[in-house]
């Protein structure tokens, strides 16, 4: 672990003790007026919403979600990257998650609603919470036309909803592929529930999801 990382963890540990646990501002986003048509097979969706630990942590507790993988999306097709490369902020990639879900249980539009209600602030450009840089931007990566129409319509819908003071910065981006992050970044919230970063920034998101969407919450996370 780099010295800068150790110092950051020491600071976060002190902050977690000194600061009462509280969620970042949450907003109950509206029910989508346009959604992807349900299918009879598992579907996949890709979201970027800041540090992937919390994005994965929340989506893994959604009923109907079968698998969530942390990784990278948004950069040039065919280029191979890893965490250290993406962390430099100049690769074009963003930390992202790949969500495999059963559309008979949870729709793509519902995943969008959860994403903007408790995971990502759609008004912050190139950052989420304490993490700054293009690698922490919020973005939607539709994998087909149905998702593309739903994502575009939902960004327009929440832009008109008046729930956020600032304009929507989240973009729909062309999907150029997804690369898994290292194994040490997978299921990070589940494996490290007392990590200072998780306590301060991600556990409140999961608590907010449970409170706001109790019917969709499941206690045991997906694999």
Protein backbone atom coordinates (compact mmCIF):
# COMPACT_ATOMS: atom_id res chain seq x y z
CA UNK A 1 0.00 0.00 0.00
CA UNK A 2 1.35 3.41 -0.99
CA UNK A 3 2.15 5.93 1.75
CA UNK A 4 -0.50 8.29 0.36
CA UNK A 5 -3.07 5.49 0.61
CA UNK A 6 -2.12 4.78 4.24
CA UNK A 7 -2.45 8.46 5.12
CA UNK A 8 -5.81 8.63 3.39
CA UNK A 9 -7.07 5.61 5.33
CA UNK A 10 -5.88 7.13 8.61
CA UNK A 11 -7.76 10.32 7.79
CA UNK A 12 -10.91 8.42 6.83
CA UNK A 13 -10.75 6.35 10.00
CA UNK A 14 -10.60 9.49 12.10
CA UNK A 15 -13.44 11.01 10.10
CA UNK A 16 -15.62 7.94 10.50
CA UNK A 17 -15.22 8.11 14.27
CA UNK A 18 -15.67 11.87 14.55
CA UNK A 19 -18.55 12.26 12.08
CA UNK A 20 -21.97 10.76 12.79
CA UNK A 21 -23.00 8.30 10.13
CA UNK A 22 -25.42 9.94 7.75
CA UNK A 23 -26.39 9.36 4.17
CA UNK A 24 -25.51 11.79 1.45
CA UNK A 25 -28.55 13.64 0.21
CA UNK A 26 -31.01 11.12 -1.16
CA UNK A 27 -33.88 11.88 -3.50
CA UNK A 28 -36.79 9.60 -4.34
CA UNK A 29 -36.49 9.67 -8.10
CA UNK A 30 -39.71 9.32 -10.11
CA UNK A 31 -41.09 6.12 -11.57
CA UNK A 32 -39.85 5.93 -15.17
CA UNK A 33 -42.38 6.82 -17.84
CA UNK A 34 -40.34 4.86 -20.42
CA UNK A 35 -38.85 1.47 -19.61
CA UNK A 36 -37.11 -1.33 -21.47
CA UNK A 37 -39.50 -4.07 -22.53
CA UNK A 38 -39.28 -7.16 -20.31
CA UNK A 39 -37.73 -10.31 -21.72
CA UNK A 40 -37.72 -13.94 -20.66
CA UNK A 41 -33.97 -14.10 -20.16
CA UNK A 42 -31.43 -12.50 -17.89
CA UNK A 43 -30.30 -9.05 -18.98
CA UNK A 44 -27.16 -7.02 -18.28
CA UNK A 45 -26.81 -3.31 -17.52
CA UNK A 46 -23.73 -1.16 -16.93
CA UNK A 47 -23.65 1.90 -14.65
CA UNK A 48 -20.90 4.29 -13.57
CA UNK A 49 -21.62 6.18 -10.37
CA UNK A 50 -18.39 7.08 -8.62
CA UNK A 51 -16.44 4.56 -6.56
CA UNK A 52 -17.70 1.15 -7.60
CA UNK A 53 -17.64 -0.26 -4.06
CA UNK A 54 -20.90 1.43 -3.13
CA UNK A 55 -22.56 1.03 -6.51
CA UNK A 56 -21.92 -2.71 -6.38
CA UNK A 57 -22.90 -2.84 -2.72
CA UNK A 58 -26.35 -1.35 -3.28
CA UNK A 59 -27.23 -3.19 -6.49
CA UNK A 60 -26.22 -6.53 -4.96
CA UNK A 61 -29.10 -6.14 -2.48
CA UNK A 62 -31.77 -5.56 -5.14
CA UNK A 63 -34.29 -8.36 -5.57
CA UNK A 64 -33.97 -9.78 -9.06
CA UNK A 65 -30.28 -8.92 -9.42
CA UNK A 66 -28.28 -12.10 -9.94
CA UNK A 67 -24.71 -10.79 -10.12
CA UNK A 68 -22.84 -7.48 -9.81
CA UNK A 69 -19.23 -7.08 -10.96
CA UNK A 70 -16.99 -4.07 -10.37
CA UNK A 71 -14.86 -2.91 -13.26
CA UNK A 72 -14.25 -0.23 -15.86
CA UNK A 73 -16.21 1.13 -18.84
CA UNK A 74 -16.24 4.10 -21.15
CA UNK A 75 -12.72 4.03 -22.54
CA UNK A 76 -11.42 3.12 -25.98
CA UNK A 77 -12.51 -0.26 -27.26
CA UNK A 78 -9.79 -2.88 -26.99
CA UNK A 79 -7.53 -1.01 -24.58
CA UNK A 80 -6.65 -3.01 -21.49
CA UNK A 81 -6.54 -1.15 -18.19
CA UNK A 82 -6.26 -1.82 -14.47
CA UNK A 83 -7.11 0.10 -11.31
CA UNK A 84 -3.85 2.04 -11.14
CA UNK A 85 -4.15 3.12 -14.76
CA UNK A 86 -7.77 4.25 -14.44
CA UNK A 87 -7.00 6.05 -11.18
CA UNK A 88 -4.77 8.43 -13.12
CA UNK A 89 -7.90 9.95 -14.64
CA UNK A 90 -6.61 10.15 -18.20
CA UNK A 91 -7.67 6.82 -19.74
CA UNK A 92 -11.26 7.74 -20.54
CA UNK A 93 -12.48 4.83 -18.41
CA UNK A 94 -14.77 5.20 -15.41
CA UNK A 95 -15.22 2.92 -12.44
CA UNK A 96 -18.40 1.03 -13.27
CA UNK A 97 -20.45 -2.04 -12.43
CA UNK A 98 -22.02 -4.70 -14.60
CA UNK A 99 -25.40 -5.80 -13.26
CA UNK A 100 -26.98 -9.09 -14.34
CA UNK A 101 -30.69 -9.04 -13.54
CA UNK A 102 -33.96 -10.85 -14.14
CA UNK A 103 -36.32 -8.41 -15.91
CA UNK A 104 -39.28 -10.47 -14.71
CA UNK A 105 -38.40 -9.33 -11.17
CA UNK A 106 -36.80 -5.91 -11.64
CA UNK A 107 -36.83 -3.73 -14.74
CA UNK A 108 -34.05 -1.64 -16.23
CA UNK A 109 -36.08 1.46 -15.42
CA UNK A 110 -36.32 0.44 -11.78
CA UNK A 111 -32.55 0.01 -11.66
CA UNK A 112 -32.24 3.55 -13.04
CA UNK A 113 -34.59 4.82 -10.36
CA UNK A 114 -32.58 3.15 -7.58
CA UNK A 115 -29.34 4.43 -9.09
CA UNK A 116 -30.41 8.08 -9.02
CA UNK A 117 -32.30 7.86 -5.72
CA UNK A 118 -29.55 6.53 -3.46
CA UNK A 119 -26.34 5.82 -5.43
CA UNK A 120 -25.32 8.72 -7.66
CA UNK A 121 -25.92 12.45 -7.62
CA UNK A 122 -26.67 13.17 -11.30
CA UNK A 123 -25.71 16.84 -11.02
CA UNK A 124 -22.03 16.48 -10.10
CA UNK A 125 -19.72 16.58 -13.11
CA UNK A 126 -16.77 14.19 -12.92
CA UNK A 127 -17.07 13.44 -9.24
CA UNK A 128 -19.16 11.68 -6.60
CA UNK A 129 -18.77 12.34 -2.88
CA UNK A 130 -15.07 12.63 -2.01
CA UNK A 131 -13.82 11.17 -5.30
CA UNK A 132 -12.89 13.57 -8.10
CA UNK A 133 -11.85 12.93 -11.69
CA UNK A 134 -13.37 11.67 -14.93
CA UNK A 135 -12.94 8.12 -13.64
CA UNK A 136 -15.63 8.91 -11.04
CA UNK A 137 -18.19 10.42 -13.43
CA UNK A 138 -21.75 9.18 -13.49
CA UNK A 139 -22.74 7.62 -16.80
CA UNK A 140 -25.16 5.12 -18.28
CA UNK A 141 -23.95 2.57 -20.83
CA UNK A 142 -26.94 1.04 -22.62
CA UNK A 143 -26.27 -2.38 -24.08
CA UNK A 144 -29.17 -2.33 -26.54
CA UNK A 145 -31.74 -0.04 -28.11
CA UNK A 146 -34.36 -0.67 -25.44
CA UNK A 147 -31.99 0.38 -22.68
CA UNK A 148 -30.83 3.33 -24.74
CA UNK A 149 -34.36 4.69 -25.16
CA UNK A 150 -35.15 4.15 -21.48
CA UNK A 151 -31.90 5.78 -20.28
CA UNK A 152 -32.27 8.83 -22.54
CA UNK A 153 -35.91 9.28 -21.57
CA UNK A 154 -35.17 8.95 -17.87
CA UNK A 155 -32.42 11.58 -17.91
CA UNK A 156 -34.88 13.94 -19.60
CA UNK A 157 -37.56 13.01 -17.08
CA UNK A 158 -35.46 13.65 -13.99
CA UNK A 159 -34.16 16.84 -15.56
CA UNK A 160 -37.71 18.18 -15.60
CA UNK A 161 -38.68 16.78 -12.18
CA UNK A 162 -37.29 19.71 -10.19
CA UNK A 163 -35.77 17.42 -7.55
CA UNK A 164 -32.24 18.74 -8.02
CA UNK A 165 -31.21 22.39 -7.97
CA UNK A 166 -28.42 21.98 -10.52
CA UNK A 167 -28.71 20.62 -14.09
CA UNK A 168 -28.25 16.92 -14.83
CA UNK A 169 -24.64 16.10 -15.67
CA UNK A 170 -24.99 12.33 -16.11
CA UNK A 171 -24.60 11.24 -19.74
CA UNK A 172 -25.62 8.28 -21.84
CA UNK A 173 -22.36 6.98 -23.29
CA UNK A 174 -21.62 4.48 -26.03
CA UNK A 175 -20.78 1.06 -24.63
CA UNK A 176 -17.28 0.04 -25.74
CA UNK A 177 -16.85 -2.95 -23.45
CA UNK A 178 -16.44 -3.76 -19.79
CA UNK A 179 -13.32 -4.95 -17.97
CA UNK A 180 -13.41 -6.56 -14.55
CA UNK A 181 -11.52 -4.94 -11.71
CA UNK A 182 -9.16 -7.05 -9.62
CA UNK A 183 -10.52 -9.63 -7.23
CA UNK A 184 -9.60 -7.44 -4.25
CA UNK A 185 -12.21 -4.92 -5.44
CA UNK A 186 -15.05 -7.41 -5.90
CA UNK A 187 -17.74 -7.62 -3.17
CA UNK A 188 -15.75 -5.02 -1.26
CA UNK A 189 -18.61 -3.76 0.91
CA UNK A 190 -19.64 -7.26 1.94
CA UNK A 191 -16.07 -8.31 2.73
CA UNK A 192 -15.07 -5.04 4.46
CA UNK A 193 -18.13 -3.68 6.29
CA UNK A 194 -15.99 -1.77 8.84
CA UNK A 195 -13.70 -0.14 6.30
CA UNK A 196 -13.69 3.63 7.03
CA UNK A 197 -14.65 4.56 3.46
CA UNK A 198 -17.53 2.08 3.47
CA UNK A 199 -18.81 3.35 6.82
CA UNK A 200 -18.68 6.99 5.79
CA UNK A 201 -19.83 6.91 2.17
CA UNK A 202 -21.39 3.59 1.18
CA UNK A 203 -23.17 2.04 4.17
CA UNK A 204 -25.51 5.07 4.32
CA UNK A 205 -26.44 4.49 0.67
CA UNK A 206 -27.41 0.90 1.41
CA UNK A 207 -29.40 2.02 4.46
CA UNK A 208 -31.19 4.60 2.34
CA UNK A 209 -32.04 1.98 -0.28
CA UNK A 210 -33.49 -0.33 2.38
CA UNK A 211 -35.60 2.51 3.81
CA UNK A 212 -36.80 3.92 0.49
CA UNK A 213 -37.38 0.66 -1.41
CA UNK A 214 -38.22 -1.97 1.22
CA UNK A 215 -40.10 -4.15 -1.26
CA UNK A 216 -37.04 -4.33 -3.52
CA UNK A 217 -34.48 -4.86 -0.75
CA UNK A 218 -33.12 -8.29 0.08
CA UNK A 219 -30.91 -8.95 3.06
CA UNK A 220 -28.54 -11.45 1.48
CA UNK A 221 -26.53 -9.88 -1.37
CA UNK A 222 -26.17 -11.54 -4.74
CA UNK A 223 -23.02 -13.50 -5.51
